[in-house]
N, C-alpha and C. Protein backbone atom coordinates (compact mmCIF):
# COMPACT_ATOMS: atom_id res chain seq x y z
N MET A 1 0.84 -1.19 0.00
CA MET A 1 0.00 0.00 0.00
C MET A 1 0.88 1.25 0.00
N THR A 2 0.36 2.31 -0.58
CA THR A 2 1.07 3.58 -0.55
C THR A 2 0.74 4.32 0.74
N GLY A 3 1.50 5.35 1.02
CA GLY A 3 1.22 6.16 2.20
C GLY A 3 -0.18 6.74 2.16
N ARG A 4 -0.61 7.22 1.01
CA ARG A 4 -1.94 7.80 0.87
C ARG A 4 -3.02 6.75 1.12
N GLU A 5 -2.83 5.53 0.60
CA GLU A 5 -3.80 4.45 0.82
C GLU A 5 -3.88 4.08 2.30
N VAL A 6 -2.74 4.08 2.97
CA VAL A 6 -2.72 3.77 4.40
C VAL A 6 -3.43 4.87 5.18
N LEU A 7 -3.19 6.14 4.81
CA LEU A 7 -3.86 7.25 5.47
C LEU A 7 -5.37 7.12 5.32
N GLU A 8 -5.84 6.79 4.13
CA GLU A 8 -7.28 6.59 3.92
C GLU A 8 -7.81 5.45 4.78
N ARG A 9 -7.05 4.40 4.90
CA ARG A 9 -7.48 3.25 5.73
C ARG A 9 -7.58 3.67 7.20
N LEU A 10 -6.61 4.47 7.66
CA LEU A 10 -6.67 4.95 9.04
C LEU A 10 -7.88 5.85 9.24
N LEU A 11 -8.13 6.76 8.31
CA LEU A 11 -9.28 7.66 8.43
C LEU A 11 -10.60 6.90 8.36
N ASP A 12 -10.65 5.83 7.57
CA ASP A 12 -11.84 4.96 7.56
C ASP A 12 -12.03 4.33 8.94
N GLY A 13 -10.94 3.90 9.56
CA GLY A 13 -11.01 3.36 10.92
C GLY A 13 -11.51 4.40 11.90
N ASN A 14 -11.08 5.65 11.73
CA ASN A 14 -11.56 6.72 12.61
C ASN A 14 -13.07 6.91 12.44
N ARG A 15 -13.57 6.78 11.20
CA ARG A 15 -15.02 6.90 10.98
C ARG A 15 -15.77 5.76 11.70
N ARG A 16 -15.21 4.55 11.68
CA ARG A 16 -15.84 3.44 12.40
C ARG A 16 -15.84 3.74 13.90
N TYR A 17 -14.74 4.29 14.40
CA TYR A 17 -14.62 4.67 15.80
C TYR A 17 -15.69 5.70 16.16
N LEU A 18 -15.89 6.69 15.28
CA LEU A 18 -16.89 7.73 15.54
C LEU A 18 -18.30 7.17 15.57
N GLU A 19 -18.51 6.07 14.85
CA GLU A 19 -19.82 5.43 14.80
C GLU A 19 -20.04 4.47 15.96
N GLY A 20 -19.10 4.45 16.90
CA GLY A 20 -19.27 3.63 18.08
C GLY A 20 -18.47 2.36 18.08
N GLY A 21 -17.62 2.18 17.09
CA GLY A 21 -16.76 0.99 17.07
C GLY A 21 -15.74 1.07 18.19
N GLY A 22 -15.26 -0.06 18.59
CA GLY A 22 -14.25 -0.11 19.63
C GLY A 22 -13.06 -0.89 19.17
N PRO A 23 -12.20 -1.20 20.08
CA PRO A 23 -11.03 -2.00 19.68
C PRO A 23 -11.49 -3.36 19.18
N ARG A 24 -10.83 -3.79 18.16
CA ARG A 24 -11.18 -5.08 17.58
C ARG A 24 -10.90 -6.20 18.57
N ALA A 25 -11.75 -7.18 18.55
CA ALA A 25 -11.51 -8.35 19.38
C ALA A 25 -10.28 -9.07 18.82
N VAL A 26 -9.45 -9.52 19.70
CA VAL A 26 -8.22 -10.19 19.28
C VAL A 26 -8.39 -11.69 19.46
N GLU A 27 -8.25 -12.38 18.36
CA GLU A 27 -8.35 -13.83 18.42
C GLU A 27 -6.96 -14.43 18.64
N GLN A 28 -6.93 -15.57 19.22
CA GLN A 28 -5.66 -16.26 19.48
C GLN A 28 -4.85 -16.42 18.20
N THR A 29 -5.53 -16.75 17.11
CA THR A 29 -4.80 -16.96 15.85
C THR A 29 -4.13 -15.68 15.37
N ALA A 30 -4.75 -14.54 15.61
CA ALA A 30 -4.15 -13.26 15.22
C ALA A 30 -2.86 -13.02 16.00
N ARG A 31 -2.88 -13.30 17.27
CA ARG A 31 -1.66 -13.16 18.09
C ARG A 31 -0.58 -14.13 17.63
N GLU A 32 -0.98 -15.35 17.33
CA GLU A 32 -0.03 -16.37 16.91
C GLU A 32 0.67 -15.97 15.60
N LYS A 33 -0.05 -15.35 14.69
CA LYS A 33 0.54 -14.93 13.41
C LYS A 33 1.60 -13.84 13.60
N LEU A 34 1.54 -13.13 14.70
CA LEU A 34 2.45 -12.01 14.93
C LEU A 34 3.64 -12.37 15.82
N VAL A 35 3.74 -13.61 16.24
CA VAL A 35 4.80 -14.01 17.15
C VAL A 35 6.18 -13.81 16.53
N ASP A 36 6.36 -14.18 15.30
CA ASP A 36 7.69 -14.16 14.68
C ASP A 36 7.99 -12.90 13.88
N SER A 37 6.98 -12.12 13.51
CA SER A 37 7.25 -10.92 12.72
C SER A 37 6.07 -9.96 12.79
N GLN A 38 6.34 -8.76 12.32
CA GLN A 38 5.29 -7.75 12.23
C GLN A 38 5.46 -6.98 10.93
N SER A 39 4.37 -6.48 10.41
CA SER A 39 4.43 -5.63 9.23
C SER A 39 3.30 -4.60 9.32
N PRO A 40 3.47 -3.63 10.23
CA PRO A 40 2.43 -2.62 10.41
C PRO A 40 2.26 -1.77 9.16
N MET A 41 1.05 -1.25 8.98
CA MET A 41 0.77 -0.43 7.81
C MET A 41 1.25 1.00 7.99
N ALA A 42 1.43 1.45 9.23
CA ALA A 42 1.81 2.83 9.49
C ALA A 42 2.59 2.92 10.79
N ALA A 43 3.38 3.99 10.88
CA ALA A 43 4.00 4.37 12.14
C ALA A 43 3.29 5.64 12.57
N ILE A 44 2.87 5.68 13.82
CA ILE A 44 2.21 6.87 14.33
C ILE A 44 3.01 7.42 15.49
N LEU A 45 3.43 8.66 15.35
CA LEU A 45 4.09 9.39 16.43
C LEU A 45 3.03 10.28 17.05
N CYS A 46 2.75 10.03 18.32
CA CYS A 46 1.68 10.79 18.95
C CYS A 46 2.04 11.13 20.39
N CYS A 47 1.20 11.95 20.96
CA CYS A 47 1.36 12.37 22.34
C CYS A 47 1.04 11.19 23.27
N SER A 48 1.60 11.25 24.44
CA SER A 48 1.36 10.20 25.44
C SER A 48 0.00 10.32 26.12
N ASP A 49 -0.73 11.36 25.85
CA ASP A 49 -2.01 11.62 26.49
C ASP A 49 -2.88 10.37 26.48
N SER A 50 -3.36 9.99 27.65
CA SER A 50 -4.13 8.75 27.80
C SER A 50 -5.47 8.78 27.08
N ARG A 51 -5.89 9.96 26.66
CA ARG A 51 -7.19 10.09 25.97
C ARG A 51 -7.08 9.87 24.47
N VAL A 52 -5.86 9.60 23.98
CA VAL A 52 -5.64 9.49 22.53
C VAL A 52 -4.89 8.20 22.18
N PRO A 53 -5.51 7.04 22.42
CA PRO A 53 -4.85 5.78 22.04
C PRO A 53 -5.07 5.49 20.55
N PRO A 54 -4.00 5.51 19.75
CA PRO A 54 -4.17 5.37 18.29
C PRO A 54 -4.90 4.11 17.86
N GLU A 55 -4.69 2.99 18.54
CA GLU A 55 -5.35 1.76 18.14
C GLU A 55 -6.87 1.89 18.25
N TYR A 56 -7.35 2.62 19.24
CA TYR A 56 -8.78 2.87 19.37
C TYR A 56 -9.24 3.89 18.33
N VAL A 57 -8.52 5.00 18.27
CA VAL A 57 -8.88 6.12 17.41
C VAL A 57 -9.02 5.69 15.95
N PHE A 58 -8.17 4.75 15.51
CA PHE A 58 -8.20 4.30 14.12
C PHE A 58 -8.78 2.89 13.97
N ASP A 59 -9.38 2.37 15.02
CA ASP A 59 -9.99 1.04 14.99
C ASP A 59 -9.03 0.03 14.35
N ALA A 60 -7.82 0.01 14.87
CA ALA A 60 -6.78 -0.86 14.32
C ALA A 60 -6.56 -2.07 15.21
N GLY A 61 -6.19 -3.15 14.58
CA GLY A 61 -5.94 -4.39 15.31
C GLY A 61 -4.48 -4.59 15.63
N LEU A 62 -4.19 -5.73 16.25
CA LEU A 62 -2.82 -6.08 16.59
C LEU A 62 -1.94 -6.07 15.34
N GLY A 63 -0.76 -5.50 15.46
CA GLY A 63 0.21 -5.52 14.38
C GLY A 63 -0.03 -4.53 13.27
N GLU A 64 -1.06 -3.72 13.33
CA GLU A 64 -1.37 -2.80 12.24
C GLU A 64 -0.70 -1.43 12.37
N ILE A 65 -0.42 -1.01 13.59
CA ILE A 65 0.17 0.31 13.82
C ILE A 65 1.41 0.17 14.68
N PHE A 66 2.48 0.80 14.23
CA PHE A 66 3.72 0.89 15.01
C PHE A 66 3.64 2.24 15.72
N THR A 67 3.37 2.21 17.01
CA THR A 67 3.09 3.43 17.75
C THR A 67 4.29 3.88 18.58
N VAL A 68 4.61 5.18 18.45
CA VAL A 68 5.65 5.81 19.26
C VAL A 68 4.97 6.97 19.98
N ARG A 69 5.01 6.92 21.32
CA ARG A 69 4.30 7.95 22.09
C ARG A 69 5.25 8.68 23.03
N VAL A 70 5.14 10.00 23.00
CA VAL A 70 5.89 10.87 23.90
C VAL A 70 5.11 12.17 24.02
N ALA A 71 5.08 12.75 25.19
CA ALA A 71 4.33 13.99 25.40
C ALA A 71 4.72 15.03 24.37
N GLY A 72 3.71 15.63 23.75
CA GLY A 72 3.94 16.66 22.75
C GLY A 72 4.53 16.14 21.46
N HIS A 73 4.58 14.83 21.27
CA HIS A 73 5.20 14.14 20.13
C HIS A 73 6.52 14.79 19.73
N VAL A 74 7.35 15.08 20.75
CA VAL A 74 8.65 15.69 20.48
C VAL A 74 9.63 14.65 19.93
N VAL A 75 10.54 15.14 19.10
CA VAL A 75 11.51 14.26 18.46
C VAL A 75 12.81 14.27 19.25
N GLY A 76 13.22 13.10 19.70
CA GLY A 76 14.50 12.89 20.36
C GLY A 76 15.12 11.64 19.78
N THR A 77 16.26 11.26 20.29
CA THR A 77 17.00 10.12 19.76
C THR A 77 16.18 8.83 19.79
N SER A 78 15.52 8.54 20.88
CA SER A 78 14.74 7.30 20.99
C SER A 78 13.57 7.29 20.03
N VAL A 79 12.90 8.42 19.91
CA VAL A 79 11.77 8.53 18.99
C VAL A 79 12.26 8.35 17.56
N LEU A 80 13.31 9.06 17.20
CA LEU A 80 13.84 8.98 15.84
C LEU A 80 14.32 7.57 15.51
N GLY A 81 15.01 6.94 16.44
CA GLY A 81 15.46 5.57 16.23
C GLY A 81 14.31 4.61 16.03
N SER A 82 13.25 4.80 16.80
CA SER A 82 12.07 3.94 16.66
C SER A 82 11.41 4.12 15.30
N LEU A 83 11.28 5.36 14.85
CA LEU A 83 10.65 5.62 13.56
C LEU A 83 11.54 5.15 12.40
N GLU A 84 12.85 5.32 12.54
CA GLU A 84 13.76 4.81 11.50
C GLU A 84 13.65 3.29 11.40
N TYR A 85 13.49 2.62 12.53
CA TYR A 85 13.30 1.17 12.52
C TYR A 85 12.02 0.82 11.74
N ALA A 86 10.93 1.55 12.03
CA ALA A 86 9.66 1.28 11.35
C ALA A 86 9.78 1.48 9.84
N VAL A 87 10.52 2.51 9.44
CA VAL A 87 10.68 2.82 8.02
C VAL A 87 11.66 1.87 7.35
N ASP A 88 12.85 1.71 7.94
CA ASP A 88 13.92 0.95 7.29
C ASP A 88 13.75 -0.57 7.40
N HIS A 89 13.23 -1.04 8.51
CA HIS A 89 13.16 -2.50 8.72
C HIS A 89 11.76 -3.09 8.57
N LEU A 90 10.76 -2.28 8.87
CA LEU A 90 9.39 -2.79 8.75
C LEU A 90 8.71 -2.30 7.48
N GLY A 91 9.31 -1.32 6.82
CA GLY A 91 8.81 -0.86 5.53
C GLY A 91 7.50 -0.09 5.55
N VAL A 92 7.20 0.61 6.65
CA VAL A 92 5.94 1.36 6.67
C VAL A 92 5.99 2.47 5.61
N PRO A 93 4.89 2.68 4.89
CA PRO A 93 4.86 3.73 3.88
C PRO A 93 4.34 5.07 4.40
N LEU A 94 3.95 5.11 5.68
CA LEU A 94 3.36 6.33 6.24
C LEU A 94 3.84 6.53 7.67
N ILE A 95 4.27 7.76 7.96
CA ILE A 95 4.43 8.21 9.34
C ILE A 95 3.38 9.28 9.55
N LEU A 96 2.52 9.07 10.52
CA LEU A 96 1.49 10.04 10.87
C LEU A 96 1.87 10.68 12.20
N VAL A 97 2.00 12.00 12.21
CA VAL A 97 2.23 12.74 13.45
C VAL A 97 0.86 13.16 13.94
N LEU A 98 0.43 12.57 15.06
CA LEU A 98 -0.92 12.79 15.57
C LEU A 98 -0.89 13.65 16.83
N GLY A 99 -1.36 14.88 16.68
CA GLY A 99 -1.52 15.76 17.83
C GLY A 99 -2.96 15.73 18.30
N HIS A 100 -3.25 16.49 19.32
CA HIS A 100 -4.64 16.53 19.79
C HIS A 100 -4.94 17.89 20.41
N GLU A 101 -6.22 18.22 20.39
CA GLU A 101 -6.61 19.51 20.97
C GLU A 101 -6.30 19.52 22.47
N SER A 102 -6.09 20.70 22.99
CA SER A 102 -5.84 20.91 24.43
C SER A 102 -4.61 20.15 24.93
N CYS A 103 -3.58 20.05 24.11
CA CYS A 103 -2.36 19.33 24.51
C CYS A 103 -1.68 20.08 25.66
N GLY A 104 -1.51 19.40 26.77
CA GLY A 104 -0.89 20.01 27.95
C GLY A 104 0.55 20.40 27.73
N ALA A 105 1.29 19.61 26.96
CA ALA A 105 2.70 19.94 26.69
C ALA A 105 2.81 21.20 25.84
N VAL A 106 1.94 21.33 24.85
CA VAL A 106 1.94 22.53 24.00
C VAL A 106 1.51 23.74 24.84
N LYS A 107 0.52 23.55 25.67
CA LYS A 107 0.05 24.65 26.52
C LYS A 107 1.16 25.12 27.47
N ALA A 108 1.90 24.18 28.02
CA ALA A 108 3.01 24.54 28.91
C ALA A 108 4.07 25.34 28.16
N ALA A 109 4.35 24.95 26.92
CA ALA A 109 5.33 25.68 26.12
C ALA A 109 4.82 27.08 25.78
N LEU A 110 3.53 27.21 25.50
CA LEU A 110 2.94 28.53 25.22
C LEU A 110 2.96 29.42 26.45
N ALA A 111 2.66 28.84 27.60
CA ALA A 111 2.53 29.63 28.83
C ALA A 111 3.86 30.16 29.32
N GLY A 112 4.94 29.51 28.90
CA GLY A 112 6.25 29.94 29.41
C GLY A 112 6.38 29.50 30.85
N GLY A 113 7.01 30.31 31.64
CA GLY A 113 7.19 29.92 33.03
C GLY A 113 8.28 28.87 33.14
N GLU A 114 8.46 28.38 34.32
CA GLU A 114 9.53 27.43 34.59
C GLU A 114 8.98 26.02 34.79
N ALA A 115 9.37 25.12 33.94
CA ALA A 115 8.99 23.72 34.10
C ALA A 115 10.04 23.05 34.98
N HIS A 116 9.65 22.03 35.69
CA HIS A 116 10.57 21.36 36.61
C HIS A 116 11.10 20.05 36.03
N GLY A 117 12.21 19.62 36.54
CA GLY A 117 12.78 18.32 36.18
C GLY A 117 12.97 18.15 34.70
N SER A 118 12.75 16.94 34.23
CA SER A 118 12.93 16.62 32.82
C SER A 118 11.82 17.18 31.94
N ILE A 119 10.74 17.62 32.57
CA ILE A 119 9.65 18.24 31.80
C ILE A 119 10.17 19.49 31.09
N LYS A 120 11.12 20.17 31.71
CA LYS A 120 11.69 21.38 31.12
C LYS A 120 12.27 21.08 29.73
N GLY A 121 13.03 20.02 29.60
CA GLY A 121 13.61 19.66 28.31
C GLY A 121 12.56 19.35 27.26
N LEU A 122 11.49 18.72 27.68
CA LEU A 122 10.40 18.40 26.77
C LEU A 122 9.73 19.68 26.27
N VAL A 123 9.43 20.59 27.19
CA VAL A 123 8.80 21.85 26.82
C VAL A 123 9.72 22.67 25.91
N GLU A 124 11.00 22.64 26.18
CA GLU A 124 11.96 23.39 25.36
C GLU A 124 11.99 22.88 23.92
N ARG A 125 11.72 21.60 23.72
CA ARG A 125 11.70 21.04 22.36
C ARG A 125 10.46 21.47 21.58
N ILE A 126 9.43 21.89 22.28
CA ILE A 126 8.19 22.34 21.63
C ILE A 126 8.26 23.82 21.29
N LYS A 127 8.93 24.61 22.10
CA LYS A 127 8.95 26.07 21.94
C LYS A 127 9.31 26.56 20.53
N PRO A 128 10.29 25.96 19.83
CA PRO A 128 10.60 26.47 18.48
C PRO A 128 9.41 26.42 17.52
N SER A 129 8.51 25.48 17.72
CA SER A 129 7.34 25.37 16.84
C SER A 129 6.35 26.51 17.07
N LEU A 130 6.50 27.21 18.17
CA LEU A 130 5.53 28.24 18.57
C LEU A 130 6.09 29.65 18.42
N LYS A 131 7.26 29.78 17.83
CA LYS A 131 7.96 31.06 17.80
C LYS A 131 7.16 32.18 17.13
N ASP A 132 6.29 31.86 16.20
CA ASP A 132 5.52 32.89 15.49
C ASP A 132 4.13 33.11 16.07
N ILE A 133 3.85 32.51 17.21
CA ILE A 133 2.52 32.64 17.82
C ILE A 133 2.59 33.66 18.95
N ASN A 134 1.75 34.67 18.85
CA ASN A 134 1.68 35.70 19.87
C ASN A 134 0.49 35.41 20.77
N THR A 135 0.76 35.04 22.00
CA THR A 135 -0.32 34.65 22.90
C THR A 135 -0.95 35.85 23.61
N GLY A 136 -0.26 36.98 23.65
CA GLY A 136 -0.80 38.10 24.40
C GLY A 136 -0.87 37.74 25.87
N THR A 137 -1.95 38.08 26.51
CA THR A 137 -2.08 37.82 27.95
C THR A 137 -2.83 36.54 28.25
N GLU A 138 -3.51 36.02 27.23
CA GLU A 138 -4.36 34.84 27.45
C GLU A 138 -4.18 33.83 26.33
N ILE A 139 -4.24 32.57 26.70
CA ILE A 139 -4.15 31.51 25.69
C ILE A 139 -5.58 31.09 25.34
N SER A 140 -6.08 31.63 24.23
CA SER A 140 -7.44 31.33 23.80
C SER A 140 -7.48 29.96 23.13
N GLN A 141 -8.70 29.48 22.89
CA GLN A 141 -8.87 28.21 22.19
C GLN A 141 -8.30 28.30 20.78
N GLU A 142 -8.49 29.44 20.13
CA GLU A 142 -7.96 29.63 18.78
C GLU A 142 -6.43 29.57 18.77
N ILE A 143 -5.81 30.19 19.75
CA ILE A 143 -4.34 30.15 19.85
C ILE A 143 -3.88 28.72 20.12
N MET A 144 -4.58 28.01 20.97
CA MET A 144 -4.21 26.61 21.25
C MET A 144 -4.31 25.76 19.99
N GLU A 145 -5.38 25.93 19.22
CA GLU A 145 -5.55 25.17 17.99
C GLU A 145 -4.40 25.44 17.02
N THR A 146 -4.05 26.72 16.89
CA THR A 146 -2.94 27.09 16.01
C THR A 146 -1.64 26.49 16.52
N ALA A 147 -1.41 26.55 17.82
CA ALA A 147 -0.18 26.03 18.41
C ALA A 147 -0.07 24.52 18.22
N VAL A 148 -1.16 23.80 18.41
CA VAL A 148 -1.15 22.34 18.23
C VAL A 148 -0.80 22.01 16.78
N THR A 149 -1.42 22.72 15.83
CA THR A 149 -1.15 22.48 14.41
C THR A 149 0.30 22.81 14.07
N GLU A 150 0.80 23.93 14.57
CA GLU A 150 2.19 24.31 14.28
C GLU A 150 3.18 23.31 14.87
N ASN A 151 2.87 22.77 16.04
CA ASN A 151 3.75 21.77 16.64
C ASN A 151 3.76 20.49 15.81
N ILE A 152 2.63 20.11 15.26
CA ILE A 152 2.56 18.93 14.38
C ILE A 152 3.42 19.17 13.14
N ARG A 153 3.25 20.31 12.51
CA ARG A 153 4.03 20.63 11.30
C ARG A 153 5.52 20.67 11.59
N TYR A 154 5.87 21.24 12.72
CA TYR A 154 7.28 21.33 13.12
C TYR A 154 7.86 19.92 13.28
N THR A 155 7.10 19.04 13.92
CA THR A 155 7.55 17.66 14.11
C THR A 155 7.74 16.97 12.76
N GLN A 156 6.79 17.17 11.84
CA GLN A 156 6.91 16.58 10.51
C GLN A 156 8.22 17.01 9.85
N HIS A 157 8.51 18.30 9.90
CA HIS A 157 9.74 18.82 9.28
C HIS A 157 10.98 18.28 9.98
N GLN A 158 10.93 18.19 11.30
CA GLN A 158 12.09 17.67 12.04
C GLN A 158 12.45 16.26 11.61
N LEU A 159 11.44 15.43 11.42
CA LEU A 159 11.71 14.04 11.04
C LEU A 159 12.55 13.97 9.77
N GLN A 160 12.24 14.81 8.81
CA GLN A 160 13.01 14.82 7.56
C GLN A 160 14.33 15.57 7.69
N ASP A 161 14.34 16.62 8.49
CA ASP A 161 15.56 17.43 8.65
C ASP A 161 16.64 16.69 9.41
N ILE A 162 16.25 15.90 10.39
CA ILE A 162 17.22 15.25 11.27
C ILE A 162 17.65 13.88 10.74
N SER A 163 16.72 13.15 10.14
CA SER A 163 17.00 11.78 9.73
C SER A 163 17.27 11.66 8.23
N ASP A 164 18.50 11.31 7.89
CA ASP A 164 18.84 11.06 6.48
C ASP A 164 18.02 9.91 5.93
N SER A 165 17.84 8.89 6.73
CA SER A 165 17.11 7.69 6.32
C SER A 165 15.67 8.04 5.95
N ILE A 166 15.00 8.78 6.82
CA ILE A 166 13.60 9.16 6.56
C ILE A 166 13.53 10.10 5.35
N ARG A 167 14.40 11.08 5.29
CA ARG A 167 14.41 12.03 4.17
C ARG A 167 14.60 11.30 2.83
N LYS A 168 15.52 10.33 2.78
CA LYS A 168 15.76 9.60 1.53
C LYS A 168 14.52 8.83 1.10
N LYS A 169 13.81 8.22 2.05
CA LYS A 169 12.59 7.46 1.72
C LYS A 169 11.50 8.40 1.20
N VAL A 170 11.39 9.59 1.82
CA VAL A 170 10.40 10.57 1.36
C VAL A 170 10.76 11.03 -0.05
N ASP A 171 12.03 11.39 -0.26
CA ASP A 171 12.48 11.87 -1.57
C ASP A 171 12.28 10.82 -2.66
N ALA A 172 12.42 9.56 -2.31
CA ALA A 172 12.25 8.47 -3.28
C ALA A 172 10.78 8.15 -3.54
N GLY A 173 9.88 8.75 -2.75
CA GLY A 173 8.46 8.46 -2.91
C GLY A 173 8.01 7.20 -2.21
N ASP A 174 8.87 6.64 -1.35
CA ASP A 174 8.54 5.41 -0.63
C ASP A 174 7.90 5.66 0.73
N LEU A 175 7.88 6.91 1.15
CA LEU A 175 7.37 7.25 2.48
C LEU A 175 6.62 8.57 2.42
N MET A 176 5.49 8.60 3.09
CA MET A 176 4.70 9.81 3.23
C MET A 176 4.69 10.18 4.70
N ILE A 177 4.91 11.46 4.98
CA ILE A 177 4.78 11.96 6.35
C ILE A 177 3.67 12.99 6.34
N THR A 178 2.70 12.79 7.20
CA THR A 178 1.61 13.76 7.28
C THR A 178 1.24 13.95 8.74
N GLY A 179 0.43 14.97 8.98
CA GLY A 179 0.01 15.27 10.34
C GLY A 179 -1.49 15.27 10.45
N ALA A 180 -1.96 15.11 11.68
CA ALA A 180 -3.40 15.12 11.94
C ALA A 180 -3.65 15.56 13.37
N VAL A 181 -4.86 16.05 13.60
CA VAL A 181 -5.28 16.49 14.94
C VAL A 181 -6.48 15.66 15.36
N TYR A 182 -6.41 15.15 16.58
CA TYR A 182 -7.52 14.40 17.17
C TYR A 182 -8.34 15.34 18.03
N SER A 183 -9.65 15.33 17.85
CA SER A 183 -10.55 16.14 18.67
C SER A 183 -10.97 15.34 19.89
N LEU A 184 -10.63 15.85 21.06
CA LEU A 184 -11.04 15.19 22.29
C LEU A 184 -12.56 15.23 22.44
N ARG A 185 -13.18 16.26 21.92
CA ARG A 185 -14.64 16.43 22.04
C ARG A 185 -15.40 15.45 21.16
N SER A 186 -15.00 15.36 19.89
CA SER A 186 -15.78 14.56 18.94
C SER A 186 -15.17 13.19 18.66
N GLY A 187 -13.85 13.05 18.86
CA GLY A 187 -13.16 11.80 18.51
C GLY A 187 -12.70 11.78 17.06
N GLU A 188 -13.00 12.84 16.31
CA GLU A 188 -12.63 12.88 14.89
C GLU A 188 -11.17 13.26 14.69
N VAL A 189 -10.58 12.66 13.66
CA VAL A 189 -9.21 12.98 13.25
C VAL A 189 -9.28 13.74 11.94
N ASN A 190 -8.61 14.88 11.91
CA ASN A 190 -8.52 15.69 10.69
C ASN A 190 -7.07 15.92 10.34
N THR A 191 -6.73 15.73 9.07
CA THR A 191 -5.36 15.96 8.65
C THR A 191 -5.09 17.46 8.61
N VAL A 192 -3.80 17.80 8.76
CA VAL A 192 -3.39 19.22 8.73
C VAL A 192 -2.39 19.42 7.61
């Protein structure tokens, strides 16, 4: 399948989810088929937020999605290595960067202030994506929506800018990288 075909399949799964579908029942035979290998259709880099589980959101079964989760879907060595594995060794034709409305990590980066511990490093990785956003005195819903979208786009660009492997696959037409936003209110996924 091409990246575009995989994206359509994921969005079809999201429509099933919106209609009340849930996680697919897993049969023993399905698990047994995956013991020795996997060939997921997509790699999804998404936020760690517990309200956004990609397998539910896209009504995907075992072995269909290679999921990498980190708050704010920030790119670091572990994330990049995981995605390069999905692209180079598992042959996924699509990396989907999935953000969501009301992202706490994005909000923390917008708000400024001092983050504690390792959270500070995470917030610092998001701030460059927000450099052109003027929050004024208040972070409105419109500003949050813009910030979430900009962070998704920034992550998409980082994947190609930092990884020679990913960039080469994109340039060759073997890999598609796209972004999407999950609505916590409706459950719908929209590409950006």
